[in-house]
C-alpha atoms as a PDB file:
ATOM      1  CA  ALA A   1       0.679 -20.949  -1.014  1.00  0.00           C
ATOM      2  CA  GLY A   2       0.935 -17.263  -1.905  1.00  0.00           C
ATOM      3  CA  VAL A   3      -2.484 -16.499  -0.414  1.00  0.00           C
ATOM      4  CA  ALA A   4      -1.514 -14.269   2.493  1.00  0.00           C
ATOM      5  CA  SER A   5       1.042 -13.630   5.205  1.00  0.00           C
ATOM      6  CA  ARG A   6       0.956 -15.897   8.262  1.00  0.00           C
ATOM      7  CA  ARG A   7      -0.907 -13.301  10.342  1.00  0.00           C
ATOM      8  CA  ALA A   8      -3.399 -12.586   7.574  1.00  0.00           C
ATOM      9  CA  ALA A   9      -3.895 -16.327   7.051  1.00  0.00           C
ATOM     10  CA  GLU A  10      -4.797 -16.748  10.722  1.00  0.00           C
ATOM     11  CA  LYS A  11      -7.402 -14.012  10.278  1.00  0.00           C
ATOM     12  CA  LEU A  12      -8.842 -15.772   7.211  1.00  0.00           C
ATOM     13  CA  ILE A  13      -9.197 -18.959   9.246  1.00  0.00           C
ATOM     14  CA  ALA A  14     -10.800 -17.164  12.196  1.00  0.00           C
ATOM     15  CA  GLU A  15     -13.311 -15.518   9.840  1.00  0.00           C
ATOM     16  CA  GLY A  16     -14.429 -18.929   8.581  1.00  0.00           C
ATOM     17  CA  ARG A  17     -13.175 -18.410   5.039  1.00  0.00           C
ATOM     18  CA  VAL A  18     -11.011 -21.561   4.847  1.00  0.00           C
ATOM     19  CA  THR A  19     -12.165 -25.119   4.176  1.00  0.00           C
ATOM     20  CA  VAL A  20     -10.293 -28.434   4.021  1.00  0.00           C
ATOM     21  CA  ASN A  21     -11.950 -31.142   1.920  1.00  0.00           C
ATOM     22  CA  GLY A  22     -15.157 -29.118   2.034  1.00  0.00           C
ATOM     23  CA  GLU A  23     -15.180 -28.832   5.832  1.00  0.00           C
ATOM     24  CA  LEU A  24     -14.936 -25.434   7.531  1.00  0.00           C
ATOM     25  CA  VAL A  25     -11.751 -25.013   9.581  1.00  0.00           C
ATOM     26  CA  THR A  26     -11.562 -22.349  12.297  1.00  0.00           C
ATOM     27  CA  GLU A  27      -8.575 -23.548  14.386  1.00  0.00           C
ATOM     28  CA  PRO A  28      -5.241 -22.085  13.163  1.00  0.00           C
ATOM     29  CA  GLY A  29      -3.354 -25.135  14.502  1.00  0.00           C
ATOM     30  CA  SER A  30      -5.260 -27.623  12.336  1.00  0.00           C
ATOM     31  CA  LYS A  31      -3.107 -29.828  10.105  1.00  0.00           C
ATOM     32  CA  ALA A  32      -3.567 -30.410   6.372  1.00  0.00           C
ATOM     33  CA  ASP A  33      -1.412 -31.737   3.531  1.00  0.00           C
ATOM     34  CA  LEU A  34      -1.637 -29.782   0.297  1.00  0.00           C
ATOM     35  CA  SER A  35      -0.546 -32.856  -1.679  1.00  0.00           C
ATOM     36  CA  ARG A  36      -3.575 -34.844  -0.443  1.00  0.00           C
ATOM     37  CA  ASP A  37      -6.157 -32.403   0.892  1.00  0.00           C
ATOM     38  CA  ARG A  38      -8.309 -29.891  -0.952  1.00  0.00           C
ATOM     39  CA  ILE A  39      -7.753 -26.532   0.741  1.00  0.00           C
ATOM     40  CA  ALA A  40      -9.905 -23.600  -0.343  1.00  0.00           C
ATOM     41  CA  VAL A  41     -10.143 -19.905   0.566  1.00  0.00           C
ATOM     42  CA  ASP A  42     -13.491 -18.223  -0.117  1.00  0.00           C
ATOM     43  CA  GLY A  43     -14.453 -21.336  -2.086  1.00  0.00           C
ATOM     44  CA  ARG A  44     -11.432 -21.086  -4.381  1.00  0.00           C
ATOM     45  CA  GLU A  45      -9.100 -24.075  -4.169  1.00  0.00           C
ATOM     46  CA  ILE A  46      -5.408 -23.284  -3.815  1.00  0.00           C
ATOM     47  CA  GLN A  47      -2.952 -25.184  -5.963  1.00  0.00           C
ATOM     48  CA  GLY A  48       0.270 -25.054  -4.010  1.00  0.00           C
ATOM     49  CA  GLU A  49       2.750 -22.229  -3.998  1.00  0.00           C
ATOM     50  CA  GLU A  50       2.216 -19.865  -6.887  1.00  0.00           C
ATOM     51  CA  GLU A  51       4.959 -18.247  -8.887  1.00  0.00           C
ATOM     52  CA  LYS A  52       5.916 -15.000  -7.169  1.00  0.00           C
ATOM     53  CA  VAL A  53       4.744 -11.982  -9.167  1.00  0.00           C
ATOM     54  CA  TYR A  54       5.301  -8.263  -8.612  1.00  0.00           C
ATOM     55  CA  PHE A  55       3.371  -5.360 -10.116  1.00  0.00           C
ATOM     56  CA  LEU A  56       3.457  -1.570 -10.010  1.00  0.00           C
ATOM     57  CA  LEU A  57       0.065   0.122 -10.423  1.00  0.00           C
ATOM     58  CA  ASN A  58      -0.736   3.776 -11.034  1.00  0.00           C
ATOM     59  CA  LYS A  59      -3.909   3.803  -8.952  1.00  0.00           C
ATOM     60  CA  PRO A  60      -6.673   6.239  -9.942  1.00  0.00           C
ATOM     61  CA  LYS A  61      -9.037   7.826  -7.449  1.00  0.00           C
ATOM     62  CA  GLY A  62     -12.191   5.869  -6.691  1.00  0.00           C
ATOM     63  CA  TYR A  63     -10.576   2.495  -5.958  1.00  0.00           C
ATOM     64  CA  ILE A  64      -9.905   1.094  -2.510  1.00  0.00           C
ATOM     65  CA  SER A  65      -6.662  -0.710  -1.710  1.00  0.00           C
ATOM     66  CA  THR A  66      -8.042  -4.046  -0.530  1.00  0.00           C
ATOM     67  CA  ALA A  67      -8.372  -7.459  -2.126  1.00  0.00           C
ATOM     68  CA  ARG A  68     -12.137  -7.509  -1.588  1.00  0.00           C
ATOM     69  CA  ASP A  69     -14.855  -5.190  -0.288  1.00  0.00           C
ATOM     70  CA  GLU A  70     -18.000  -6.305   1.474  1.00  0.00           C
ATOM     71  CA  ARG A  71     -19.806  -3.139   0.323  1.00  0.00           C
ATOM     72  CA  GLY A  72     -19.168  -3.895  -3.340  1.00  0.00           C
ATOM     73  CA  ARG A  73     -16.919  -0.900  -3.991  1.00  0.00           C
ATOM     74  CA  LYS A  74     -14.275  -1.000  -6.715  1.00  0.00           C
ATOM     75  CA  THR A  75     -10.907  -2.336  -5.537  1.00  0.00           C
ATOM     76  CA  VAL A  76      -7.450  -2.052  -7.052  1.00  0.00           C
ATOM     77  CA  LEU A  77      -7.666  -5.725  -8.034  1.00  0.00           C
ATOM     78  CA  ASP A  78     -10.392  -4.790 -10.525  1.00  0.00           C
ATOM     79  CA  LEU A  79      -7.626  -2.998 -12.433  1.00  0.00           C
ATOM     80  CA  LEU A  80      -5.525  -6.198 -12.556  1.00  0.00           C
ATOM     81  CA  ALA A  81      -8.389  -8.578 -13.281  1.00  0.00           C
ATOM     82  CA  GLU A  82      -6.429 -10.513 -15.914  1.00  0.00           C
ATOM     83  CA  VAL A  83      -3.652 -11.414 -13.428  1.00  0.00           C
ATOM     84  CA  PRO A  84      -4.307 -15.088 -12.528  1.00  0.00           C
ATOM     85  CA  GLU A  85      -2.313 -15.113  -9.288  1.00  0.00           C
ATOM     86  CA  ARG A  86      -3.902 -14.118  -5.984  1.00  0.00           C
ATOM     87  CA  ILE A  87      -2.155 -10.815  -5.284  1.00  0.00           C
ATOM     88  CA  TYR A  88      -2.425  -8.206  -2.537  1.00  0.00           C
ATOM     89  CA  PRO A  89      -1.458  -4.528  -2.278  1.00  0.00           C
ATOM     90  CA  ILE A  90       1.616  -3.594  -0.264  1.00  0.00           C
ATOM     91  CA  GLY A  91       0.136  -1.019   2.075  1.00  0.00           C
ATOM     92  CA  ARG A  92      -2.805   1.175   1.173  1.00  0.00           C
ATOM     93  CA  LEU A  93      -3.832   4.343  -0.578  1.00  0.00           C
ATOM     94  CA  ASP A  94      -7.232   5.646   0.446  1.00  0.00           C
ATOM     95  CA  ASN A  95     -10.120   5.901  -1.986  1.00  0.00           C
ATOM     96  CA  ALA A  96      -9.446   9.558  -2.844  1.00  0.00           C
ATOM     97  CA  THR A  97      -5.663   9.176  -3.222  1.00  0.00           C
ATOM     98  CA  GLU A  98      -4.025   8.214  -6.492  1.00  0.00           C
ATOM     99  CA  GLY A  99      -0.555   7.088  -7.442  1.00  0.00           C
ATOM    100  CA  LEU A 100       1.983   4.337  -6.987  1.00  0.00           C
ATOM    101  CA  LEU A 101       0.903   1.079  -5.383  1.00  0.00           C
ATOM    102  CA  LEU A 102       2.810  -2.212  -5.441  1.00  0.00           C
ATOM    103  CA  LEU A 103       0.977  -5.552  -5.511  1.00  0.00           C
ATOM    104  CA  THR A 104       2.392  -9.041  -5.054  1.00  0.00           C
ATOM    105  CA  ASN A 105       1.787 -12.550  -3.741  1.00  0.00           C
ATOM    106  CA  ASP A 106       5.157 -12.511  -1.968  1.00  0.00           C
ATOM    107  CA  GLY A 107       4.085 -12.206   1.654  1.00  0.00           C
ATOM    108  CA  GLU A 108       7.660 -12.086   2.969  1.00  0.00           C
ATOM    109  CA  LEU A 109       8.575  -9.079   0.842  1.00  0.00           C
ATOM    110  CA  MET A 110       5.239  -7.400   1.608  1.00  0.00           C
ATOM    111  CA  ASN A 111       5.736  -7.654   5.358  1.00  0.00           C
ATOM    112  CA  ALA A 112       9.364  -6.525   5.177  1.00  0.00           C
ATOM    113  CA  LEU A 113       8.592  -3.408   3.120  1.00  0.00           C
ATOM    114  CA  LEU A 114       5.862  -2.446   5.595  1.00  0.00           C
ATOM    115  CA  HIS A 115       7.994  -3.067   8.697  1.00  0.00           C
ATOM    116  CA  PRO A 116       8.889   0.203  10.470  1.00  0.00           C
ATOM    117  CA  LYS A 117      12.533  -0.787  11.009  1.00  0.00           C
ATOM    118  CA  TYR A 118      13.341  -0.534   7.289  1.00  0.00           C
ATOM    119  CA  GLU A 119      11.993   3.046   7.020  1.00  0.00           C
ATOM    120  CA  VAL A 120      10.868   2.651   3.410  1.00  0.00           C
ATOM    121  CA  HIS A 121      10.338   6.109   1.957  1.00  0.00           C
ATOM    122  CA  LYS A 122       7.111   7.191   0.279  1.00  0.00           C
ATOM    123  CA  THR A 123       6.864  10.438  -1.696  1.00  0.00           C
ATOM    124  CA  TYR A 124       3.579  12.329  -2.037  1.00  0.00           C
ATOM    125  CA  LEU A 125       2.520  15.380  -3.989  1.00  0.00           C
ATOM    126  CA  ALA A 126      -0.249  17.175  -2.092  1.00  0.00           C
ATOM    127  CA  ARG A 127      -2.414  20.007  -3.393  1.00  0.00           C
ATOM    128  CA  LEU A 128      -3.282  22.212  -0.441  1.00  0.00           C
ATOM    129  CA  ARG A 129      -5.832  24.861   0.255  1.00  0.00           C
ATOM    130  CA  GLY A 130      -3.769  27.923   1.032  1.00  0.00           C
ATOM    131  CA  ILE A 131      -0.002  28.369   0.927  1.00  0.00           C
ATOM    132  CA  PRO A 132       2.037  27.019   3.852  1.00  0.00           C
ATOM    133  CA  THR A 133       4.683  29.240   5.362  1.00  0.00           C
ATOM    134  CA  GLU A 134       8.263  28.093   5.871  1.00  0.00           C
ATOM    135  CA  ALA A 135       7.482  27.822   9.593  1.00  0.00           C
ATOM    136  CA  GLU A 136       4.557  25.514   8.868  1.00  0.00           C
ATOM    137  CA  LEU A 137       6.688  23.340   6.594  1.00  0.00           C
ATOM    138  CA  GLY A 138       9.252  23.324   9.383  1.00  0.00           C
ATOM    139  CA  ARG A 139       6.694  21.705  11.679  1.00  0.00           C
ATOM    140  CA  LEU A 140       6.306  18.858   9.171  1.00  0.00           C
ATOM    141  CA  ARG A 141      10.082  18.471   9.100  1.00  0.00           C
ATOM    142  CA  GLU A 142      10.273  18.331  12.878  1.00  0.00           C
ATOM    143  CA  GLY A 143       7.323  15.953  13.374  1.00  0.00           C
ATOM    144  CA  ILE A 144       3.646  16.602  13.976  1.00  0.00           C
ATOM    145  CA  ALA A 145       1.633  15.649  17.059  1.00  0.00           C
ATOM    146  CA  LEU A 146      -1.383  13.658  15.846  1.00  0.00           C
ATOM    147  CA  GLU A 147      -4.052  11.889  17.881  1.00  0.00           C
ATOM    148  CA  ASP A 148      -2.124   8.614  17.519  1.00  0.00           C
ATOM    149  CA  GLY A 149       1.225  10.103  18.522  1.00  0.00           C
ATOM    150  CA  MET A 150       4.093  12.132  17.154  1.00  0.00           C
ATOM    151  CA  THR A 151       5.067  11.545  13.540  1.00  0.00           C
ATOM    152  CA  ALA A 152       8.642  10.982  12.494  1.00  0.00           C
ATOM    153  CA  PRO A 153      10.280  13.989  10.835  1.00  0.00           C
ATOM    154  CA  ALA A 154       9.237  14.349   7.192  1.00  0.00           C
ATOM    155  CA  ARG A 155      10.885  16.002   4.252  1.00  0.00           C
ATOM    156  CA  ALA A 156       8.688  18.782   2.914  1.00  0.00           C
ATOM    157  CA  ARG A 157       9.125  21.431   0.233  1.00  0.00           C
ATOM    158  CA  LEU A 158       6.892  23.889  -1.550  1.00  0.00           C
ATOM    159  CA  VAL A 159       6.718  22.902  -5.220  1.00  0.00           C
ATOM    160  CA  GLU A 160       4.233  25.418  -6.574  1.00  0.00           C
ATOM    161  CA  GLN A 161       2.041  28.219  -5.274  1.00  0.00           C
ATOM    162  CA  SER A 162      -0.915  30.074  -6.741  1.00  0.00           C
ATOM    163  CA  PRO A 163      -1.964  33.093  -4.652  1.00  0.00           C
ATOM    164  CA  GLU A 164      -4.813  33.933  -7.043  1.00  0.00           C
ATOM    165  CA  ARG A 165      -6.361  30.499  -6.466  1.00  0.00           C
ATOM    166  CA  ASN A 166      -5.224  30.362  -2.848  1.00  0.00           C
ATOM    167  CA  GLU A 167      -3.664  26.938  -3.278  1.00  0.00           C
ATOM    168  CA  SER A 168      -0.273  25.284  -3.451  1.00  0.00           C
ATOM    169  CA  ARG A 169       1.464  21.989  -4.117  1.00  0.00           C
ATOM    170  CA  VAL A 170       3.837  20.480  -1.585  1.00  0.00           C
ATOM    171  CA  GLU A 171       6.078  17.424  -1.857  1.00  0.00           C
ATOM    172  CA  ILE A 172       6.152  15.374   1.339  1.00  0.00           C
ATOM    173  CA  ILE A 173       8.371  12.339   1.980  1.00  0.00           C
ATOM    174  CA  ILE A 174       7.620  10.049   4.922  1.00  0.00           C
ATOM    175  CA  HIS A 175       8.597   6.537   5.971  1.00  0.00           C
ATOM    176  CA  GLU A 176       5.651   5.745   8.244  1.00  0.00           C
ATOM    177  CA  GLY A 177       2.380   4.212   7.101  1.00  0.00           C
ATOM    178  CA  ARG A 178      -0.345   5.537   9.368  1.00  0.00           C
ATOM    179  CA  ASN A 179      -3.909   5.852   8.138  1.00  0.00           C
ATOM    180  CA  ARG A 180      -4.422   9.053   6.100  1.00  0.00           C
ATOM    181  CA  GLN A 181      -1.153  10.334   7.538  1.00  0.00           C
ATOM    182  CA  VAL A 182      -0.263  12.998   4.972  1.00  0.00           C
ATOM    183  CA  ARG A 183      -3.784  14.419   5.020  1.00  0.00           C
ATOM    184  CA  ARG A 184      -3.767  14.603   8.816  1.00  0.00           C
ATOM    185  CA  MET A 185      -0.297  16.147   8.954  1.00  0.00           C
ATOM    186  CA  CYS A 186      -1.291  18.910   6.548  1.00  0.00           C
ATOM    187  CA  SER A 187      -4.542  19.507   8.397  1.00  0.00           C
ATOM    188  CA  ALA A 188      -2.528  19.887  11.615  1.00  0.00           C
ATOM    189  CA  ILE A 189      -0.647  22.852  10.123  1.00  0.00           C
ATOM    190  CA  GLY A 190      -3.890  24.419   8.918  1.00  0.00           C
ATOM    191  CA  HIS A 191      -4.019  23.350   5.269  1.00  0.00           C
ATOM    192  CA  GLU A 192      -6.596  20.950   3.855  1.00  0.00           C
ATOM    193  CA  VAL A 193      -5.407  18.473   1.236  1.00  0.00           C
ATOM    194  CA  THR A 194      -7.627  18.792  -1.842  1.00  0.00           C
ATOM    195  CA  ALA A 195      -5.742  16.239  -3.968  1.00  0.00           C
ATOM    196  CA  LEU A 196      -3.086  13.694  -3.106  1.00  0.00           C
ATOM    197  CA  LYS A 197      -0.829  11.512  -5.244  1.00  0.00           C
ATOM    198  CA  ARG A 198       1.929   9.099  -4.272  1.00  0.00           C
ATOM    199  CA  THR A 199       4.686   9.567  -6.821  1.00  0.00           C
ATOM    200  CA  GLU A 200       7.358   7.241  -5.419  1.00  0.00           C
ATOM    201  CA  PHE A 201       7.594   4.200  -3.149  1.00  0.00           C
ATOM    202  CA  ALA A 202      10.863   2.625  -2.029  1.00  0.00           C
ATOM    203  CA  GLY A 203      12.740   4.434  -4.787  1.00  0.00           C
ATOM    204  CA  LEU A 204      10.378   3.309  -7.568  1.00  0.00           C
ATOM    205  CA  SER A 205       8.487   5.910  -9.589  1.00  0.00           C
ATOM    206  CA  LEU A 206       5.436   6.151 -11.847  1.00  0.00           C
ATOM    207  CA  SER A 207       7.528   7.041 -14.876  1.00  0.00           C
ATOM    208  CA  GLY A 208       6.054   5.435 -17.993  1.00  0.00           C
ATOM    209  CA  THR A 209       2.955   4.051 -16.247  1.00  0.00           C
ATOM    210  CA  ALA A 210      -0.273   5.899 -17.069  1.00  0.00           C
ATOM    211  CA  ARG A 211      -3.084   6.365 -14.558  1.00  0.00           C
ATOM    212  CA  GLY A 212      -5.127   3.167 -14.243  1.00  0.00           C
ATOM    213  CA  HIS A 213      -2.398   1.042 -15.837  1.00  0.00           C
ATOM    214  CA  TYR A 214       0.136  -1.347 -14.334  1.00  0.00           C
ATOM    215  CA  ARG A 215       3.342  -3.166 -15.229  1.00  0.00           C
ATOM    216  CA  ARG A 216       5.549  -5.932 -13.883  1.00  0.00           C
ATOM    217  CA  LEU A 217       8.589  -4.920 -11.885  1.00  0.00           C
ATOM    218  CA  THR A 218      11.931  -5.407 -13.590  1.00  0.00           C
ATOM    219  CA  ASP A 219      14.533  -7.771 -12.142  1.00  0.00           C
ATOM    220  CA  THR A 220      16.616  -4.735 -11.173  1.00  0.00           C
ATOM    221  CA  GLU A 221      13.691  -3.129  -9.334  1.00  0.00           C
ATOM    222  CA  LEU A 222      12.897  -6.361  -7.517  1.00  0.00           C
ATOM    223  CA  ALA A 223      16.519  -6.797  -6.458  1.00  0.00           C
ATOM    224  CA  HIS A 224      16.484  -3.210  -5.153  1.00  0.00           C
ATOM    225  CA  LEU A 225      13.341  -3.862  -3.063  1.00  0.00           C
ATOM    226  CA  LYS A 226      14.717  -7.085  -1.606  1.00  0.00           C
ATOM    227  CA  THR A 227      17.981  -5.370  -0.699  1.00  0.00           C
ATOM    228  CA  LEU A 228      16.047  -2.524   0.901  1.00  0.00           C
ATOM    229  CA  ALA A 229      14.008  -5.027   2.906  1.00  0.00           C
ATOM    230  CA  GLY A 230      17.039  -6.980   4.099  1.00  0.00           C
ATOM    231  CA  MET A 231      16.136 -10.097   2.098  1.00  0.00           C
ATOM    232  CA  ARG A 232      18.516 -12.470   0.343  1.00  0.00           C
ATOM    233  CA  LEU A 233      18.571 -12.189  -3.455  1.00  0.00           C
END
């Protein structure tokens, strides 16, 4: 019904957030009929499959990339409060990272774009403390050994350097989605990330979308994403 992917739905059930006709359901194999039964998630009744919607958000710093937060912090959904559909972010940007984030209620597309086999590229612009040498950038291009394993080779180039301020800006393109990956990769070559922005995702850019604002994807952009994810148009 556009609420979540199958795996995420099982987690919702296990957490006791799903009711059928007012009764709590905790067994994923339980049967219900949406045409006859009242099924609710977090007390909100679902109304059958929603129209699929797709949005591109220019996320500011200070928002977390989850649908809800138990600690009451601001989430990216606060920026799309007028969207009536129950949408979810495709992947995550941490609280201190800004930039391009896609949101949708299309669980199939979400899962496909996040699947490692499709190697969906993500472009970041990182402001670093210090100026990396060509050898250090070469380590990013070859792959970095992190505590959770070796990263895939990245594309990395020095965009700007400021010796007087002892800082630089580096463009990094990866296709993995590990937690805080770009920050950890840069730290591994001896340069702290002081600001981070995702400028592109799956070939889509922030062009024309101001910080804190969002827009619907065009039909052409959606077709591109589905092709990239191996889905039928």
